[in-house]
PDB file of N, CA and C in Angstrom:
ATOM      1  N   MET A   1     -29.002 -72.963 101.385  1.00  0.00           N
ATOM      2  CA  MET A   1     -28.017 -72.501 102.224  1.00  0.00           C
ATOM      3  C   MET A   1     -28.169 -73.452 103.051  1.00  0.00           C
ATOM      4  N   LYS A   2     -26.274 -73.491 103.008  1.00  0.00           N
ATOM      5  CA  LYS A   2     -26.453 -75.102 104.274  1.00  0.00           C
ATOM      6  C   LYS A   2     -25.865 -74.299 105.364  1.00  0.00           C
ATOM      7  N   LYS A   3     -26.612 -75.552 106.910  1.00  0.00           N
ATOM      8  CA  LYS A   3     -26.697 -74.610 107.924  1.00  0.00           C
ATOM      9  C   LYS A   3     -25.942 -75.558 108.629  1.00  0.00           C
ATOM     10  N   ARG A   4     -25.266 -74.543 109.294  1.00  0.00           N
ATOM     11  CA  ARG A   4     -23.774 -74.789 109.652  1.00  0.00           C
ATOM     12  C   ARG A   4     -24.435 -74.971 111.321  1.00  0.00           C
ATOM     13  N   ASN A   5     -23.125 -76.365 111.690  1.00  0.00           N
ATOM     14  CA  ASN A   5     -23.554 -76.300 112.781  1.00  0.00           C
ATOM     15  C   ASN A   5     -22.447 -75.857 113.523  1.00  0.00           C
ATOM     16  N   HIS A   6     -22.782 -75.828 114.959  1.00  0.00           N
ATOM     17  CA  HIS A   6     -21.994 -74.941 115.989  1.00  0.00           C
ATOM     18  C   HIS A   6     -21.739 -75.702 116.695  1.00  0.00           C
ATOM     19  N   GLY A   7     -20.065 -76.205 117.373  1.00  0.00           N
ATOM     20  CA  GLY A   7     -20.127 -77.319 116.836  1.00  0.00           C
ATOM     21  C   GLY A   7     -18.590 -76.879 118.527  1.00  0.00           C
ATOM     22  N   ILE A   8     -18.005 -78.112 118.361  1.00  0.00           N
ATOM     23  CA  ILE A   8     -16.670 -77.768 119.241  1.00  0.00           C
ATOM     24  C   ILE A   8     -15.639 -76.757 118.315  1.00  0.00           C
ATOM     25  N   ARG A   9     -15.321 -77.021 117.020  1.00  0.00           N
ATOM     26  CA  ARG A   9     -14.147 -77.021 116.701  1.00  0.00           C
ATOM     27  C   ARG A   9     -15.163 -75.309 116.601  1.00  0.00           C
ATOM     28  N   ASP A  10     -16.356 -74.905 116.392  1.00  0.00           N
ATOM     29  CA  ASP A  10     -16.334 -73.777 115.905  1.00  0.00           C
ATOM     30  C   ASP A  10     -16.638 -72.301 116.703  1.00  0.00           C
ATOM     31  N   HIS A  11     -16.240 -72.892 118.364  1.00  0.00           N
ATOM     32  CA  HIS A  11     -16.515 -72.034 119.592  1.00  0.00           C
ATOM     33  C   HIS A  11     -14.707 -71.872 120.607  1.00  0.00           C
ATOM     34  N   ILE A  12     -14.600 -71.045 121.241  1.00  0.00           N
ATOM     35  CA  ILE A  12     -13.181 -71.976 122.089  1.00  0.00           C
ATOM     36  C   ILE A  12     -13.598 -71.299 123.046  1.00  0.00           C
ATOM     37  N   TYR A  13     -13.076 -72.191 124.906  1.00  0.00           N
ATOM     38  CA  TYR A  13     -13.593 -71.493 125.621  1.00  0.00           C
ATOM     39  C   TYR A  13     -12.513 -71.560 126.537  1.00  0.00           C
ATOM     40  N   LEU A  14     -12.389 -70.986 127.557  1.00  0.00           N
ATOM     41  CA  LEU A  14     -10.741 -70.483 128.435  1.00  0.00           C
ATOM     42  C   LEU A  14     -11.384 -70.240 129.309  1.00  0.00           C
ATOM     43  N   LEU A  15     -11.460 -70.885 130.242  1.00  0.00           N
ATOM     44  CA  LEU A  15     -10.996 -70.989 131.614  1.00  0.00           C
ATOM     45  C   LEU A  15      -9.998 -70.443 132.169  1.00  0.00           C
ATOM     46  N   LEU A  16      -9.362 -69.168 132.907  1.00  0.00           N
ATOM     47  CA  LEU A  16      -8.444 -68.608 133.580  1.00  0.00           C
ATOM     48  C   LEU A  16      -9.054 -68.689 134.726  1.00  0.00           C
ATOM     49  N   ASN A  17      -8.067 -69.219 135.792  1.00  0.00           N
ATOM     50  CA  ASN A  17      -8.221 -69.354 137.127  1.00  0.00           C
ATOM     51  C   ASN A  17      -7.409 -68.453 137.835  1.00  0.00           C
ATOM     52  N   GLU A  18      -7.184 -67.229 138.274  1.00  0.00           N
ATOM     53  CA  GLU A  18      -5.869 -66.487 138.211  1.00  0.00           C
ATOM     54  C   GLU A  18      -5.304 -67.293 139.526  1.00  0.00           C
ATOM     55  N   LYS A  19      -6.296 -66.937 140.934  1.00  0.00           N
ATOM     56  CA  LYS A  19      -5.882 -67.190 141.895  1.00  0.00           C
ATOM     57  C   LYS A  19      -4.948 -68.549 142.038  1.00  0.00           C
ATOM     58  N   ASP A  20      -6.162 -69.625 141.422  1.00  0.00           N
ATOM     59  CA  ASP A  20      -5.310 -71.878 141.831  1.00  0.00           C
ATOM     60  C   ASP A  20      -4.583 -71.463 140.377  1.00  0.00           C
ATOM     61  N   GLN A  21      -3.865 -70.538 139.491  1.00  0.00           N
ATOM     62  CA  GLN A  21      -3.114 -70.695 138.630  1.00  0.00           C
ATOM     63  C   GLN A  21      -3.724 -72.244 137.531  1.00  0.00           C
ATOM     64  N   TYR A  22      -4.314 -72.119 136.924  1.00  0.00           N
ATOM     65  CA  TYR A  22      -5.077 -73.112 135.940  1.00  0.00           C
ATOM     66  C   TYR A  22      -5.443 -72.325 134.761  1.00  0.00           C
ATOM     67  N   VAL A  23      -5.856 -72.938 133.531  1.00  0.00           N
ATOM     68  CA  VAL A  23      -6.245 -72.838 132.539  1.00  0.00           C
ATOM     69  C   VAL A  23      -6.944 -73.832 131.972  1.00  0.00           C
ATOM     70  N   ILE A  24      -8.713 -73.948 132.028  1.00  0.00           N
ATOM     71  CA  ILE A  24      -8.901 -74.699 131.312  1.00  0.00           C
ATOM     72  C   ILE A  24     -10.144 -75.187 129.795  1.00  0.00           C
ATOM     73  N   SER A  25      -8.818 -75.846 128.837  1.00  0.00           N
ATOM     74  CA  SER A  25      -9.333 -74.858 127.531  1.00  0.00           C
ATOM     75  C   SER A  25     -10.548 -76.193 126.960  1.00  0.00           C
ATOM     76  N   TYR A  26     -11.750 -75.479 126.489  1.00  0.00           N
ATOM     77  CA  TYR A  26     -12.319 -76.425 125.172  1.00  0.00           C
ATOM     78  C   TYR A  26     -12.215 -75.988 123.657  1.00  0.00           C
ATOM     79  N   GLY A  27     -12.571 -76.456 122.596  1.00  0.00           N
ATOM     80  CA  GLY A  27     -12.497 -75.777 121.567  1.00  0.00           C
ATOM     81  C   GLY A  27     -10.978 -75.787 120.639  1.00  0.00           C
ATOM     82  N   ILE A  28     -10.154 -76.099 121.143  1.00  0.00           N
ATOM     83  CA  ILE A  28      -8.890 -75.417 121.030  1.00  0.00           C
ATOM     84  C   ILE A  28      -7.602 -76.851 121.152  1.00  0.00           C
ATOM     85  N   GLU A  29      -7.195 -77.343 119.865  1.00  0.00           N
ATOM     86  CA  GLU A  29      -6.728 -78.334 119.790  1.00  0.00           C
ATOM     87  C   GLU A  29      -4.752 -78.174 120.698  1.00  0.00           C
ATOM     88  N   PHE A  30      -4.486 -79.192 121.127  1.00  0.00           N
ATOM     89  CA  PHE A  30      -3.371 -79.056 122.316  1.00  0.00           C
ATOM     90  C   PHE A  30      -2.764 -78.443 121.564  1.00  0.00           C
ATOM     91  N   SER A  31      -2.786 -78.924 120.133  1.00  0.00           N
ATOM     92  CA  SER A  31      -1.073 -79.166 119.221  1.00  0.00           C
ATOM     93  C   SER A  31      -1.170 -76.843 119.249  1.00  0.00           C
ATOM     94  N   GLU A  32      -2.173 -76.433 118.568  1.00  0.00           N
ATOM     95  CA  GLU A  32      -2.657 -75.166 118.229  1.00  0.00           C
ATOM     96  C   GLU A  32      -2.364 -74.060 120.293  1.00  0.00           C
ATOM     97  N   PHE A  33      -2.748 -74.908 120.570  1.00  0.00           N
ATOM     98  CA  PHE A  33      -1.986 -74.862 122.356  1.00  0.00           C
ATOM     99  C   PHE A  33      -1.140 -74.359 122.199  1.00  0.00           C
ATOM    100  N   THR A  34      -0.203 -75.463 122.009  1.00  0.00           N
ATOM    101  CA  THR A  34       1.408 -75.566 122.443  1.00  0.00           C
ATOM    102  C   THR A  34       1.846 -74.530 121.283  1.00  0.00           C
ATOM    103  N   TYR A  35       0.892 -74.579 119.935  1.00  0.00           N
ATOM    104  CA  TYR A  35       2.366 -73.798 119.324  1.00  0.00           C
ATOM    105  C   TYR A  35       1.758 -71.772 119.409  1.00  0.00           C
ATOM    106  N   SER A  36       1.074 -71.401 120.346  1.00  0.00           N
ATOM    107  CA  SER A  36       0.831 -70.040 120.803  1.00  0.00           C
ATOM    108  C   SER A  36       1.523 -69.800 122.048  1.00  0.00           C
ATOM    109  N   LEU A  37       2.329 -70.792 122.326  1.00  0.00           N
ATOM    110  CA  LEU A  37       2.801 -70.611 123.562  1.00  0.00           C
ATOM    111  C   LEU A  37       4.724 -71.298 123.479  1.00  0.00           C
ATOM    112  N   SER A  38       4.768 -71.714 122.750  1.00  0.00           N
ATOM    113  CA  SER A  38       6.033 -72.244 122.453  1.00  0.00           C
ATOM    114  C   SER A  38       7.495 -71.702 122.668  1.00  0.00           C
ATOM    115  N   GLN A  39       7.089 -70.426 122.638  1.00  0.00           N
ATOM    116  CA  GLN A  39       8.385 -69.974 123.478  1.00  0.00           C
ATOM    117  C   GLN A  39       8.380 -69.294 124.212  1.00  0.00           C
ATOM    118  N   THR A  40       7.422 -69.591 125.132  1.00  0.00           N
ATOM    119  CA  THR A  40       6.905 -70.590 127.227  1.00  0.00           C
ATOM    120  C   THR A  40       7.166 -71.407 127.071  1.00  0.00           C
ATOM    121  N   MET A  41       7.067 -72.188 127.215  1.00  0.00           N
ATOM    122  CA  MET A  41       6.418 -73.550 127.523  1.00  0.00           C
ATOM    123  C   MET A  41       8.092 -74.668 127.454  1.00  0.00           C
ATOM    124  N   ASN A  42       8.616 -74.732 128.674  1.00  0.00           N
ATOM    125  CA  ASN A  42       9.304 -75.280 129.008  1.00  0.00           C
ATOM    126  C   ASN A  42       8.896 -77.086 128.759  1.00  0.00           C
ATOM    127  N   ASN A  43       8.614 -77.899 129.546  1.00  0.00           N
ATOM    128  CA  ASN A  43       8.474 -78.633 130.271  1.00  0.00           C
ATOM    129  C   ASN A  43       6.949 -79.486 129.979  1.00  0.00           C
ATOM    130  N   LEU A  44       6.275 -80.128 130.481  1.00  0.00           N
ATOM    131  CA  LEU A  44       4.862 -80.773 130.600  1.00  0.00           C
ATOM    132  C   LEU A  44       5.186 -81.919 131.803  1.00  0.00           C
ATOM    133  N   LEU A  45       4.748 -81.906 132.925  1.00  0.00           N
ATOM    134  CA  LEU A  45       4.124 -82.905 133.657  1.00  0.00           C
ATOM    135  C   LEU A  45       2.688 -83.320 133.130  1.00  0.00           C
ATOM    136  N   LEU A  46       2.701 -84.770 132.804  1.00  0.00           N
ATOM    137  CA  LEU A  46       1.717 -85.641 132.310  1.00  0.00           C
ATOM    138  C   LEU A  46       0.672 -85.756 133.922  1.00  0.00           C
ATOM    139  N   LEU A  47      -0.835 -85.374 134.088  1.00  0.00           N
ATOM    140  CA  LEU A  47      -0.910 -86.299 134.536  1.00  0.00           C
ATOM    141  C   LEU A  47      -1.802 -86.845 134.221  1.00  0.00           C
ATOM    142  N   LYS A  48      -2.863 -86.997 133.496  1.00  0.00           N
ATOM    143  CA  LYS A  48      -3.435 -88.303 132.029  1.00  0.00           C
ATOM    144  C   LYS A  48      -3.582 -87.747 130.725  1.00  0.00           C
ATOM    145  N   HIS A  49      -2.621 -88.969 131.305  1.00  0.00           N
ATOM    146  CA  HIS A  49      -2.185 -88.944 128.966  1.00  0.00           C
ATOM    147  C   HIS A  49      -2.318 -90.495 128.222  1.00  0.00           C
ATOM    148  N   GLN A  50      -2.207 -90.251 127.464  1.00  0.00           N
ATOM    149  CA  GLN A  50      -1.291 -91.857 126.958  1.00  0.00           C
ATOM    150  C   GLN A  50      -0.474 -91.876 126.240  1.00  0.00           C
ATOM    151  N   PHE A  51       0.371 -90.784 126.444  1.00  0.00           N
ATOM    152  CA  PHE A  51       1.450 -90.511 125.838  1.00  0.00           C
ATOM    153  C   PHE A  51       2.833 -91.476 126.002  1.00  0.00           C
ATOM    154  N   GLU A  52       3.342 -92.284 124.988  1.00  0.00           N
ATOM    155  CA  GLU A  52       4.810 -93.125 124.902  1.00  0.00           C
ATOM    156  C   GLU A  52       6.168 -93.207 125.401  1.00  0.00           C
ATOM    157  N   GLU A  53       6.332 -91.496 125.178  1.00  0.00           N
ATOM    158  CA  GLU A  53       6.929 -91.096 124.954  1.00  0.00           C
ATOM    159  C   GLU A  53       7.637 -90.269 126.063  1.00  0.00           C
ATOM    160  N   GLY A  54       6.877 -89.741 127.035  1.00  0.00           N
ATOM    161  CA  GLY A  54       7.373 -89.780 128.313  1.00  0.00           C
ATOM    162  C   GLY A  54       8.643 -90.378 129.676  1.00  0.00           C
ATOM    163  N   GLU A  55       8.844 -89.222 130.265  1.00  0.00           N
ATOM    164  CA  GLU A  55       9.721 -89.989 130.922  1.00  0.00           C
ATOM    165  C   GLU A  55       9.670 -89.443 132.517  1.00  0.00           C
ATOM    166  N   MET A  56       9.931 -90.490 133.432  1.00  0.00           N
ATOM    167  CA  MET A  56       9.346 -91.055 135.014  1.00  0.00           C
ATOM    168  C   MET A  56      10.753 -89.876 135.822  1.00  0.00           C
ATOM    169  N   ASN A  57       9.319 -88.883 136.150  1.00  0.00           N
ATOM    170  CA  ASN A  57       9.889 -88.598 137.731  1.00  0.00           C
ATOM    171  C   ASN A  57       9.731 -89.079 139.471  1.00  0.00           C
ATOM    172  N   MET A  58      10.681 -89.672 139.642  1.00  0.00           N
ATOM    173  CA  MET A  58      11.034 -90.210 140.435  1.00  0.00           C
ATOM    174  C   MET A  58      10.695 -90.318 141.558  1.00  0.00           C
ATOM    175  N   HIS A  59      10.398 -88.816 141.496  1.00  0.00           N
ATOM    176  CA  HIS A  59       9.605 -88.256 143.174  1.00  0.00           C
ATOM    177  C   HIS A  59       8.111 -88.020 143.216  1.00  0.00           C
ATOM    178  N   THR A  60       7.690 -87.636 142.126  1.00  0.00           N
ATOM    179  CA  THR A  60       6.037 -87.269 141.409  1.00  0.00           C
ATOM    180  C   THR A  60       5.871 -88.631 141.034  1.00  0.00           C
ATOM    181  N   MET A  61       6.509 -89.642 140.444  1.00  0.00           N
ATOM    182  CA  MET A  61       6.232 -90.245 140.125  1.00  0.00           C
ATOM    183  C   MET A  61       5.016 -90.976 139.081  1.00  0.00           C
ATOM    184  N   PHE A  62       5.201 -89.569 138.360  1.00  0.00           N
ATOM    185  CA  PHE A  62       4.232 -88.736 136.915  1.00  0.00           C
ATOM    186  C   PHE A  62       5.384 -88.711 136.526  1.00  0.00           C
ATOM    187  N   GLU A  63       4.853 -89.514 134.248  1.00  0.00           N
ATOM    188  CA  GLU A  63       5.631 -89.001 133.687  1.00  0.00           C
ATOM    189  C   GLU A  63       5.690 -87.474 133.231  1.00  0.00           C
ATOM    190  N   PHE A  64       6.835 -87.124 132.496  1.00  0.00           N
ATOM    191  CA  PHE A  64       7.016 -85.557 132.175  1.00  0.00           C
ATOM    192  C   PHE A  64       7.732 -85.646 130.468  1.00  0.00           C
ATOM    193  N   VAL A  65       7.873 -84.923 129.785  1.00  0.00           N
ATOM    194  CA  VAL A  65       7.798 -84.177 128.703  1.00  0.00           C
ATOM    195  C   VAL A  65       8.697 -83.467 128.573  1.00  0.00           C
ATOM    196  N   SER A  66       9.822 -83.200 128.055  1.00  0.00           N
ATOM    197  CA  SER A  66      11.231 -82.135 128.449  1.00  0.00           C
ATOM    198  C   SER A  66      10.645 -81.285 126.814  1.00  0.00           C
ATOM    199  N   ARG A  67      10.889 -79.722 127.270  1.00  0.00           N
ATOM    200  CA  ARG A  67      11.112 -78.933 126.081  1.00  0.00           C
ATOM    201  C   ARG A  67      11.313 -79.697 124.258  1.00  0.00           C
ATOM    202  N   ASP A  68      12.186 -80.744 124.291  1.00  0.00           N
ATOM    203  CA  ASP A  68      12.760 -81.500 122.940  1.00  0.00           C
ATOM    204  C   ASP A  68      11.656 -82.365 122.451  1.00  0.00           C
ATOM    205  N   TYR A  69      10.649 -82.682 123.085  1.00  0.00           N
ATOM    206  CA  TYR A  69       9.969 -83.428 123.030  1.00  0.00           C
ATOM    207  C   TYR A  69       8.278 -83.063 122.839  1.00  0.00           C
ATOM    208  N   LEU A  70       8.445 -81.507 122.998  1.00  0.00           N
ATOM    209  CA  LEU A  70       6.859 -81.366 123.253  1.00  0.00           C
ATOM    210  C   LEU A  70       6.176 -80.976 121.845  1.00  0.00           C
ATOM    211  N   THR A  71       6.925 -80.669 120.435  1.00  0.00           N
ATOM    212  CA  THR A  71       6.482 -81.734 119.068  1.00  0.00           C
ATOM    213  C   THR A  71       5.941 -82.551 118.465  1.00  0.00           C
ATOM    214  N   GLN A  72       6.568 -83.282 119.291  1.00  0.00           N
ATOM    215  CA  GLN A  72       6.311 -85.193 119.030  1.00  0.00           C
ATOM    216  C   GLN A  72       5.050 -84.421 119.948  1.00  0.00           C
ATOM    217  N   LEU A  73       4.636 -84.514 121.221  1.00  0.00           N
ATOM    218  CA  LEU A  73       3.458 -84.889 121.993  1.00  0.00           C
ATOM    219  C   LEU A  73       2.178 -83.889 120.658  1.00  0.00           C
ATOM    220  N   ALA A  74       2.705 -82.934 120.722  1.00  0.00           N
ATOM    221  CA  ALA A  74       1.905 -81.775 120.005  1.00  0.00           C
ATOM    222  C   ALA A  74       1.434 -82.471 118.886  1.00  0.00           C
ATOM    223  N   GLU A  75       2.153 -83.268 118.519  1.00  0.00           N
ATOM    224  CA  GLU A  75       1.413 -83.815 116.651  1.00  0.00           C
ATOM    225  C   GLU A  75       0.781 -85.948 117.039  1.00  0.00           C
ATOM    226  N   ASP A  76       0.979 -86.228 118.388  1.00  0.00           N
ATOM    227  CA  ASP A  76       0.165 -86.775 118.611  1.00  0.00           C
ATOM    228  C   ASP A  76      -0.909 -86.981 118.548  1.00  0.00           C
ATOM    229  N   ASP A  77      -1.993 -87.515 119.294  1.00  0.00           N
ATOM    230  CA  ASP A  77      -3.459 -87.261 118.893  1.00  0.00           C
ATOM    231  C   ASP A  77      -3.825 -87.274 120.207  1.00  0.00           C
ATOM    232  N   VAL A  78      -3.783 -86.672 120.931  1.00  0.00           N
ATOM    233  CA  VAL A  78      -4.134 -86.250 122.354  1.00  0.00           C
ATOM    234  C   VAL A  78      -5.575 -85.774 122.600  1.00  0.00           C
ATOM    235  N   TYR A  79      -5.686 -85.775 121.435  1.00  0.00           N
ATOM    236  CA  TYR A  79      -7.220 -85.427 121.287  1.00  0.00           C
ATOM    237  C   TYR A  79      -8.011 -86.722 121.562  1.00  0.00           C
ATOM    238  N   GLY A  80      -7.473 -88.288 121.030  1.00  0.00           N
ATOM    239  CA  GLY A  80      -8.082 -89.143 121.321  1.00  0.00           C
ATOM    240  C   GLY A  80      -7.626 -89.549 122.682  1.00  0.00           C
ATOM    241  N   TYR A  81      -7.054 -89.041 123.373  1.00  0.00           N
ATOM    242  CA  TYR A  81      -6.571 -89.996 124.782  1.00  0.00           C
ATOM    243  C   TYR A  81      -7.590 -89.535 125.556  1.00  0.00           C
ATOM    244  N   GLY A  82      -8.633 -88.727 125.623  1.00  0.00           N
ATOM    245  CA  GLY A  82     -10.103 -88.945 126.388  1.00  0.00           C
ATOM    246  C   GLY A  82      -9.617 -87.694 127.196  1.00  0.00           C
ATOM    247  N   ASP A  83      -9.591 -87.729 128.680  1.00  0.00           N
ATOM    248  CA  ASP A  83      -8.555 -86.531 129.490  1.00  0.00           C
ATOM    249  C   ASP A  83      -7.738 -86.295 129.331  1.00  0.00           C
ATOM    250  N   PHE A  84      -7.093 -85.623 129.098  1.00  0.00           N
ATOM    251  CA  PHE A  84      -5.859 -84.573 128.512  1.00  0.00           C
ATOM    252  C   PHE A  84      -4.910 -84.268 129.586  1.00  0.00           C
ATOM    253  N   CYS A  85      -4.713 -84.482 130.984  1.00  0.00           N
ATOM    254  CA  CYS A  85      -4.075 -83.303 132.170  1.00  0.00           C
ATOM    255  C   CYS A  85      -2.700 -82.812 131.901  1.00  0.00           C
ATOM    256  N   TRP A  86      -2.165 -81.739 132.260  1.00  0.00           N
ATOM    257  CA  TRP A  86      -0.719 -81.242 131.794  1.00  0.00           C
ATOM    258  C   TRP A  86      -0.756 -80.056 132.556  1.00  0.00           C
ATOM    259  N   ILE A  87       0.852 -80.533 133.906  1.00  0.00           N
ATOM    260  CA  ILE A  87       1.531 -79.206 134.271  1.00  0.00           C
ATOM    261  C   ILE A  87       2.299 -79.068 133.623  1.00  0.00           C
ATOM    262  N   ASP A  88       2.223 -77.587 133.137  1.00  0.00           N
ATOM    263  CA  ASP A  88       4.090 -76.745 132.574  1.00  0.00           C
ATOM    264  C   ASP A  88       4.921 -76.255 134.114  1.00  0.00           C
ATOM    265  N   PHE A  89       6.084 -77.005 133.778  1.00  0.00           N
ATOM    266  CA  PHE A  89       7.060 -76.117 135.096  1.00  0.00           C
ATOM    267  C   PHE A  89       8.490 -75.395 134.058  1.00  0.00           C
ATOM    268  N   GLU A  90       8.813 -75.358 134.305  1.00  0.00           N
ATOM    269  CA  GLU A  90      10.779 -74.621 133.966  1.00  0.00           C
ATOM    270  C   GLU A  90      11.715 -75.481 133.873  1.00  0.00           C
ATOM    271  N   GLU A  91      11.735 -76.392 135.524  1.00  0.00           N
ATOM    272  CA  GLU A  91      13.070 -77.527 135.222  1.00  0.00           C
ATOM    273  C   GLU A  91      12.414 -78.508 136.359  1.00  0.00           C
ATOM    274  N   GLU A  92      12.882 -79.384 135.752  1.00  0.00           N
ATOM    275  CA  GLU A  92      13.256 -81.200 136.693  1.00  0.00           C
ATOM    276  C   GLU A  92      13.258 -80.776 138.025  1.00  0.00           C
ATOM    277  N   GLU A  93      14.359 -80.113 138.685  1.00  0.00           N
ATOM    278  CA  GLU A  93      14.787 -80.139 139.702  1.00  0.00           C
ATOM    279  C   GLU A  93      13.536 -79.507 140.690  1.00  0.00           C
ATOM    280  N   ALA A  94      12.238 -78.233 139.893  1.00  0.00           N
ATOM    281  CA  ALA A  94      11.647 -78.203 141.329  1.00  0.00           C
ATOM    282  C   ALA A  94      10.087 -78.598 141.411  1.00  0.00           C
ATOM    283  N   LEU A  95      10.125 -79.874 140.419  1.00  0.00           N
ATOM    284  CA  LEU A  95       9.524 -80.574 140.423  1.00  0.00           C
ATOM    285  C   LEU A  95      10.125 -81.702 142.565  1.00  0.00           C
ATOM    286  N   ASN A  96      11.079 -82.013 142.388  1.00  0.00           N
ATOM    287  CA  ASN A  96      11.778 -82.636 143.192  1.00  0.00           C
ATOM    288  C   ASN A  96      11.227 -81.388 144.534  1.00  0.00           C
TER     289      ASN A  96
END
């Protein structure tokens, strides 16, 4: 009988902080996460990343990804970035 290795892919941890409005996830791929929220995600402000197709928001000086490029980001190797931090937002005007 093969011993099962209980690693990152066997468990999913989600920390939901409603007060400060953020979620920390562990054990779930970004592509799976975005797929589950594909109907509600519009844009992502990229805080830590290595995605090369983002657009620059001149007010925040951070790059962002519009809804049109979310699929491309989800298909990128974000797991290989190391830290990958982002914030979702409705419209770019809200960043300003």
